[in-house]
Amino acid sequence: MSQYLVKLFSDWRGYRCGEVISVNKIVAEALTEQLIGEYAKSKKPEEKEFKKEIKSAPKDKQVKGAPVTK
């Protein structure tokens, strides 16, 4: 089950106002519909594509592979 972060607008079940809690999808939807909380943004970046540029080594620094024998 995935967890959703919800920031509370008011006290709810032992949690204080302004606190960010982790709940399942059903509870998160119920809290936002009843205006008790809102979805909070996660601290980790969402799925972004990371492109790493690979540069080849200079010709004098390259290591030659073993010869292929048949």
PDB file of N, CA and C in Angstrom:
ATOM      1  N   MET A   1       0.843  -1.179   0.000  1.00  0.00           N
ATOM      2  CA  MET A   1       0.000   0.000   0.000  1.00  0.00           C
ATOM      3  C   MET A   1       0.886   1.239   0.000  1.00  0.00           C
ATOM      4  N   SER A   2       0.497   2.189  -0.770  1.00  0.00           N
ATOM      5  CA  SER A   2       1.273   3.421  -0.805  1.00  0.00           C
ATOM      6  C   SER A   2       0.794   4.378   0.283  1.00  0.00           C
ATOM      7  N   GLN A   3       1.699   5.195   0.742  1.00  0.00           N
ATOM      8  CA  GLN A   3       1.405   6.144   1.804  1.00  0.00           C
ATOM      9  C   GLN A   3       1.398   7.558   1.230  1.00  0.00           C
ATOM     10  N   TYR A   4       0.532   8.389   1.751  1.00  0.00           N
ATOM     11  CA  TYR A   4       0.412   9.773   1.320  1.00  0.00           C
ATOM     12  C   TYR A   4       0.712  10.689   2.495  1.00  0.00           C
ATOM     13  N   LEU A   5       1.381  11.802   2.219  1.00  0.00           N
ATOM     14  CA  LEU A   5       1.674  12.778   3.260  1.00  0.00           C
ATOM     15  C   LEU A   5       0.564  13.816   3.291  1.00  0.00           C
ATOM     16  N   VAL A   6       0.016  14.054   4.480  1.00  0.00           N
ATOM     17  CA  VAL A   6      -1.081  15.005   4.657  1.00  0.00           C
ATOM     18  C   VAL A   6      -0.689  15.982   5.752  1.00  0.00           C
ATOM     19  N   LYS A   7      -0.814  17.277   5.461  1.00  0.00           N
ATOM     20  CA  LYS A   7      -0.575  18.314   6.466  1.00  0.00           C
ATOM     21  C   LYS A   7      -1.919  18.699   7.061  1.00  0.00           C
ATOM     22  N   LEU A   8      -2.021  18.638   8.394  1.00  0.00           N
ATOM     23  CA  LEU A   8      -3.297  18.861   9.076  1.00  0.00           C
ATOM     24  C   LEU A   8      -3.559  20.346   9.325  1.00  0.00           C
ATOM     25  N   PHE A   9      -4.816  20.748   9.142  1.00  0.00           N
ATOM     26  CA  PHE A   9      -5.261  22.116   9.435  1.00  0.00           C
ATOM     27  C   PHE A   9      -5.730  22.250  10.875  1.00  0.00           C
ATOM     28  N   SER A  10      -6.164  21.124  11.473  1.00  0.00           N
ATOM     29  CA  SER A  10      -6.654  21.143  12.851  1.00  0.00           C
ATOM     30  C   SER A  10      -6.219  19.854  13.548  1.00  0.00           C
ATOM     31  N   ASP A  11      -6.424  19.800  14.857  1.00  0.00           N
ATOM     32  CA  ASP A  11      -6.073  18.590  15.600  1.00  0.00           C
ATOM     33  C   ASP A  11      -6.941  17.424  15.130  1.00  0.00           C
ATOM     34  N   TRP A  12      -6.335  16.236  15.032  1.00  0.00           N
ATOM     35  CA  TRP A  12      -7.059  15.059  14.573  1.00  0.00           C
ATOM     36  C   TRP A  12      -6.438  13.816  15.188  1.00  0.00           C
ATOM     37  N   ARG A  13      -7.213  13.080  15.976  1.00  0.00           N
ATOM     38  CA  ARG A  13      -6.807  11.797  16.563  1.00  0.00           C
ATOM     39  C   ARG A  13      -5.420  11.815  17.204  1.00  0.00           C
ATOM     40  N   GLY A  14      -5.153  12.758  18.019  1.00  0.00           N
ATOM     41  CA  GLY A  14      -3.882  12.808  18.727  1.00  0.00           C
ATOM     42  C   GLY A  14      -2.774  13.525  17.979  1.00  0.00           C
ATOM     43  N   TYR A  15      -3.020  13.898  16.748  1.00  0.00           N
ATOM     44  CA  TYR A  15      -2.047  14.666  15.971  1.00  0.00           C
ATOM     45  C   TYR A  15      -2.365  16.150  16.112  1.00  0.00           C
ATOM     46  N   ARG A  16      -1.358  16.983  16.093  1.00  0.00           N
ATOM     47  CA  ARG A  16      -1.518  18.428  16.275  1.00  0.00           C
ATOM     48  C   ARG A  16      -1.689  19.151  14.947  1.00  0.00           C
ATOM     49  N   CYS A  17      -2.250  20.322  14.998  1.00  0.00           N
ATOM     50  CA  CYS A  17      -2.428  21.179  13.830  1.00  0.00           C
ATOM     51  C   CYS A  17      -1.054  21.510  13.227  1.00  0.00           C
ATOM     52  N   GLY A  18      -0.936  21.435  11.903  1.00  0.00           N
ATOM     53  CA  GLY A  18       0.314  21.749  11.218  1.00  0.00           C
ATOM     54  C   GLY A  18       1.246  20.567  11.078  1.00  0.00           C
ATOM     55  N   GLU A  19       0.923  19.461  11.711  1.00  0.00           N
ATOM     56  CA  GLU A  19       1.776  18.281  11.645  1.00  0.00           C
ATOM     57  C   GLU A  19       1.567  17.554  10.309  1.00  0.00           C
ATOM     58  N   VAL A  20       2.631  17.003   9.757  1.00  0.00           N
ATOM     59  CA  VAL A  20       2.545  16.235   8.515  1.00  0.00           C
ATOM     60  C   VAL A  20       2.555  14.764   8.894  1.00  0.00           C
ATOM     61  N   ILE A  21       1.495  14.050   8.477  1.00  0.00           N
ATOM     62  CA  ILE A  21       1.378  12.636   8.821  1.00  0.00           C
ATOM     63  C   ILE A  21       1.340  11.800   7.546  1.00  0.00           C
ATOM     64  N   SER A  22       1.661  10.529   7.684  1.00  0.00           N
ATOM     65  CA  SER A  22       1.639   9.590   6.572  1.00  0.00           C
ATOM     66  C   SER A  22       0.453   8.653   6.755  1.00  0.00           C
ATOM     67  N   VAL A  23      -0.453   8.648   5.781  1.00  0.00           N
ATOM     68  CA  VAL A  23      -1.659   7.818   5.853  1.00  0.00           C
ATOM     69  C   VAL A  23      -1.881   7.134   4.508  1.00  0.00           C
ATOM     70  N   ASN A  24      -2.796   6.170   4.480  1.00  0.00           N
ATOM     71  CA  ASN A  24      -3.097   5.505   3.218  1.00  0.00           C
ATOM     72  C   ASN A  24      -4.025   6.367   2.357  1.00  0.00           C
ATOM     73  N   LYS A  25      -4.318   5.901   1.165  1.00  0.00           N
ATOM     74  CA  LYS A  25      -5.063   6.691   0.187  1.00  0.00           C
ATOM     75  C   LYS A  25      -6.477   7.037   0.661  1.00  0.00           C
ATOM     76  N   ILE A  26      -7.171   6.090   1.257  1.00  0.00           N
ATOM     77  CA  ILE A  26      -8.554   6.305   1.687  1.00  0.00           C
ATOM     78  C   ILE A  26      -8.636   7.381   2.764  1.00  0.00           C
ATOM     79  N   VAL A  27      -7.748   7.305   3.749  1.00  0.00           N
ATOM     80  CA  VAL A  27      -7.739   8.289   4.834  1.00  0.00           C
ATOM     81  C   VAL A  27      -7.328   9.655   4.299  1.00  0.00           C
ATOM     82  N   ALA A  28      -6.358   9.691   3.395  1.00  0.00           N
ATOM     83  CA  ALA A  28      -5.910  10.962   2.825  1.00  0.00           C
ATOM     84  C   ALA A  28      -7.042  11.653   2.076  1.00  0.00           C
ATOM     85  N   GLU A  29      -7.784  10.894   1.294  1.00  0.00           N
ATOM     86  CA  GLU A  29      -8.920  11.473   0.566  1.00  0.00           C
ATOM     87  C   GLU A  29      -9.988  11.983   1.533  1.00  0.00           C
ATOM     88  N   ALA A  30     -10.271  11.231   2.591  1.00  0.00           N
ATOM     89  CA  ALA A  30     -11.278  11.642   3.567  1.00  0.00           C
ATOM     90  C   ALA A  30     -10.861  12.920   4.286  1.00  0.00           C
ATOM     91  N   LEU A  31      -9.588  13.024   4.664  1.00  0.00           N
ATOM     92  CA  LEU A  31      -9.116  14.227   5.364  1.00  0.00           C
ATOM     93  C   LEU A  31      -9.182  15.458   4.463  1.00  0.00           C
ATOM     94  N   THR A  32      -8.855  15.309   3.187  1.00  0.00           N
ATOM     95  CA  THR A  32      -8.895  16.465   2.289  1.00  0.00           C
ATOM     96  C   THR A  32     -10.328  16.859   1.948  1.00  0.00           C
ATOM     97  N   GLU A  33     -11.229  15.878   1.815  1.00  0.00           N
ATOM     98  CA  GLU A  33     -12.629  16.191   1.519  1.00  0.00           C
ATOM     99  C   GLU A  33     -13.300  16.918   2.676  1.00  0.00           C
ATOM    100  N   GLN A  34     -12.933  16.574   3.910  1.00  0.00           N
ATOM    101  CA  GLN A  34     -13.532  17.188   5.088  1.00  0.00           C
ATOM    102  C   GLN A  34     -12.785  18.451   5.521  1.00  0.00           C
ATOM    103  N   LEU A  35     -11.810  18.875   4.728  1.00  0.00           N
ATOM    104  CA  LEU A  35     -11.007  20.078   4.977  1.00  0.00           C
ATOM    105  C   LEU A  35     -10.285  20.029   6.325  1.00  0.00           C
ATOM    106  N   ILE A  36      -9.858  18.827   6.692  1.00  0.00           N
ATOM    107  CA  ILE A  36      -9.057  18.666   7.903  1.00  0.00           C
ATOM    108  C   ILE A  36      -7.578  18.791   7.563  1.00  0.00           C
ATOM    109  N   GLY A  37      -7.241  18.506   6.306  1.00  0.00           N
ATOM    110  CA  GLY A  37      -5.844  18.582   5.891  1.00  0.00           C
ATOM    111  C   GLY A  37      -5.729  18.726   4.393  1.00  0.00           C
ATOM    112  N   GLU A  38      -4.477  18.840   3.951  1.00  0.00           N
ATOM    113  CA  GLU A  38      -4.184  18.928   2.524  1.00  0.00           C
ATOM    114  C   GLU A  38      -2.986  18.044   2.232  1.00  0.00           C
ATOM    115  N   TYR A  39      -2.844  17.660   0.977  1.00  0.00           N
ATOM    116  CA  TYR A  39      -1.696  16.858   0.596  1.00  0.00           C
ATOM    117  C   TYR A  39      -0.432  17.688   0.745  1.00  0.00           C
ATOM    118  N   ALA A  40       0.596  17.088   1.319  1.00  0.00           N
ATOM    119  CA  ALA A  40       1.880  17.759   1.490  1.00  0.00           C
ATOM    120  C   ALA A  40       2.834  17.225   0.433  1.00  0.00           C
ATOM    121  N   LYS A  41       3.721  18.080  -0.018  1.00  0.00           N
ATOM    122  CA  LYS A  41       4.700  17.654  -1.004  1.00  0.00           C
ATOM    123  C   LYS A  41       5.776  16.836  -0.309  1.00  0.00           C
ATOM    124  N   SER A  42       6.213  15.790  -0.972  1.00  0.00           N
ATOM    125  CA  SER A  42       7.274  14.965  -0.390  1.00  0.00           C
ATOM    126  C   SER A  42       8.607  15.674  -0.525  1.00  0.00           C
ATOM    127  N   LYS A  43       9.538  15.341   0.334  1.00  0.00           N
ATOM    128  CA  LYS A  43      10.842  15.985   0.322  1.00  0.00           C
ATOM    129  C   LYS A  43      11.731  15.435  -0.773  1.00  0.00           C
ATOM    130  N   LYS A  44      11.494  14.198  -1.181  1.00  0.00           N
ATOM    131  CA  LYS A  44      12.318  13.627  -2.234  1.00  0.00           C
ATOM    132  C   LYS A  44      11.774  14.066  -3.595  1.00  0.00           C
ATOM    133  N   PRO A  45      12.640  14.241  -4.563  1.00  0.00           N
ATOM    134  CA  PRO A  45      12.169  14.672  -5.877  1.00  0.00           C
ATOM    135  C   PRO A  45      11.327  13.580  -6.529  1.00  0.00           C
ATOM    136  N   GLU A  46      10.307  14.005  -7.222  1.00  0.00           N
ATOM    137  CA  GLU A  46       9.465  13.042  -7.897  1.00  0.00           C
ATOM    138  C   GLU A  46      10.229  12.486  -9.091  1.00  0.00           C
ATOM    139  N   GLU A  47       9.716  11.437  -9.656  1.00  0.00           N
ATOM    140  CA  GLU A  47      10.419  10.707 -10.700  1.00  0.00           C
ATOM    141  C   GLU A  47      10.889  11.626 -11.822  1.00  0.00           C
ATOM    142  N   LYS A  48      12.153  11.966 -11.758  1.00  0.00           N
ATOM    143  CA  LYS A  48      12.758  12.782 -12.797  1.00  0.00           C
ATOM    144  C   LYS A  48      13.776  11.926 -13.521  1.00  0.00           C
ATOM    145  N   GLU A  49      13.922  12.181 -14.788  1.00  0.00           N
ATOM    146  CA  GLU A  49      14.903  11.439 -15.550  1.00  0.00           C
ATOM    147  C   GLU A  49      16.261  12.094 -15.374  1.00  0.00           C
ATOM    148  N   PHE A  50      17.209  11.311 -14.922  1.00  0.00           N
ATOM    149  CA  PHE A  50      18.559  11.805 -14.764  1.00  0.00           C
ATOM    150  C   PHE A  50      19.379  11.313 -15.943  1.00  0.00           C
ATOM    151  N   LYS A  51      19.916  12.238 -16.698  1.00  0.00           N
ATOM    152  CA  LYS A  51      20.747  11.887 -17.835  1.00  0.00           C
ATOM    153  C   LYS A  51      22.193  12.196 -17.485  1.00  0.00           C
ATOM    154  N   LYS A  52      22.994  11.157 -17.495  1.00  0.00           N
ATOM    155  CA  LYS A  52      24.393  11.318 -17.161  1.00  0.00           C
ATOM    156  C   LYS A  52      25.183  11.301 -18.465  1.00  0.00           C
ATOM    157  N   GLU A  53      25.956  12.317 -18.664  1.00  0.00           N
ATOM    158  CA  GLU A  53      26.744  12.410 -19.884  1.00  0.00           C
ATOM    159  C   GLU A  53      28.066  11.691 -19.642  1.00  0.00           C
ATOM    160  N   ILE A  54      28.309  10.676 -20.466  1.00  0.00           N
ATOM    161  CA  ILE A  54      29.529   9.887 -20.314  1.00  0.00           C
ATOM    162  C   ILE A  54      30.529  10.350 -21.362  1.00  0.00           C
ATOM    163  N   LYS A  55      31.675  10.741 -20.886  1.00  0.00           N
ATOM    164  CA  LYS A  55      32.735  11.172 -21.782  1.00  0.00           C
ATOM    165  C   LYS A  55      33.790  10.087 -21.839  1.00  0.00           C
ATOM    166  N   SER A  56      34.347   9.879 -23.015  1.00  0.00           N
ATOM    167  CA  SER A  56      35.382   8.853 -23.125  1.00  0.00           C
ATOM    168  C   SER A  56      36.716   9.408 -22.648  1.00  0.00           C
ATOM    169  N   ALA A  57      37.568   8.510 -22.225  1.00  0.00           N
ATOM    170  CA  ALA A  57      38.885   8.897 -21.744  1.00  0.00           C
ATOM    171  C   ALA A  57      39.767   9.281 -22.935  1.00  0.00           C
ATOM    172  N   PRO A  58      40.751  10.103 -22.712  1.00  0.00           N
ATOM    173  CA  PRO A  58      41.673  10.437 -23.796  1.00  0.00           C
ATOM    174  C   PRO A  58      42.362   9.170 -24.307  1.00  0.00           C
ATOM    175  N   LYS A  59      42.767   9.177 -25.561  1.00  0.00           N
ATOM    176  CA  LYS A  59      43.336   7.989 -26.193  1.00  0.00           C
ATOM    177  C   LYS A  59      44.550   7.470 -25.441  1.00  0.00           C
ATOM    178  N   ASP A  60      45.390   8.350 -24.891  1.00  0.00           N
ATOM    179  CA  ASP A  60      46.594   7.890 -24.196  1.00  0.00           C
ATOM    180  C   ASP A  60      46.274   7.282 -22.828  1.00  0.00           C
ATOM    181  N   LYS A  61      45.063   7.513 -22.281  1.00  0.00           N
ATOM    182  CA  LYS A  61      44.683   6.983 -20.970  1.00  0.00           C
ATOM    183  C   LYS A  61      43.839   5.712 -21.072  1.00  0.00           C
ATOM    184  N   GLN A  62      43.414   5.356 -22.288  1.00  0.00           N
ATOM    185  CA  GLN A  62      42.536   4.197 -22.444  1.00  0.00           C
ATOM    186  C   GLN A  62      43.316   2.900 -22.307  1.00  0.00           C
ATOM    187  N   VAL A  63      42.670   1.907 -21.737  1.00  0.00           N
ATOM    188  CA  VAL A  63      43.271   0.590 -21.568  1.00  0.00           C
ATOM    189  C   VAL A  63      42.755  -0.298 -22.681  1.00  0.00           C
ATOM    190  N   LYS A  64      43.674  -1.001 -23.316  1.00  0.00           N
ATOM    191  CA  LYS A  64      43.275  -1.892 -24.401  1.00  0.00           C
ATOM    192  C   LYS A  64      42.780  -3.216 -23.809  1.00  0.00           C
ATOM    193  N   GLY A  65      41.779  -3.770 -24.436  1.00  0.00           N
ATOM    194  CA  GLY A  65      41.246  -5.056 -23.985  1.00  0.00           C
ATOM    195  C   GLY A  65      42.132  -6.210 -24.414  1.00  0.00           C
ATOM    196  N   ALA A  66      41.853  -7.376 -23.884  1.00  0.00           N
ATOM    197  CA  ALA A  66      42.609  -8.582 -24.245  1.00  0.00           C
ATOM    198  C   ALA A  66      42.323  -8.954 -25.682  1.00  0.00           C
ATOM    199  N   PRO A  67      43.298  -9.492 -26.368  1.00  0.00           N
ATOM    200  CA  PRO A  67      43.070  -9.897 -27.770  1.00  0.00           C
ATOM    201  C   PRO A  67      42.082 -11.068 -27.831  1.00  0.00           C
ATOM    202  N   VAL A  68      41.294 -11.078 -28.869  1.00  0.00           N
ATOM    203  CA  VAL A  68      40.307 -12.133 -29.057  1.00  0.00           C
ATOM    204  C   VAL A  68      40.966 -13.277 -29.792  1.00  0.00           C
ATOM    205  N   THR A  69      40.901 -14.470 -29.231  1.00  0.00           N
ATOM    206  CA  THR A  69      41.457 -15.664 -29.899  1.00  0.00           C
ATOM    207  C   THR A  69      40.338 -16.625 -30.194  1.00  0.00           C
ATOM    208  N   LYS A  70      40.515 -17.333 -31.302  1.00  0.00           N
ATOM    209  CA  LYS A  70      39.495 -18.314 -31.682  1.00  0.00           C
ATOM    210  C   LYS A  70      40.023 -19.699 -31.589  1.00  0.00           C
TER     211      LYS A  70
END
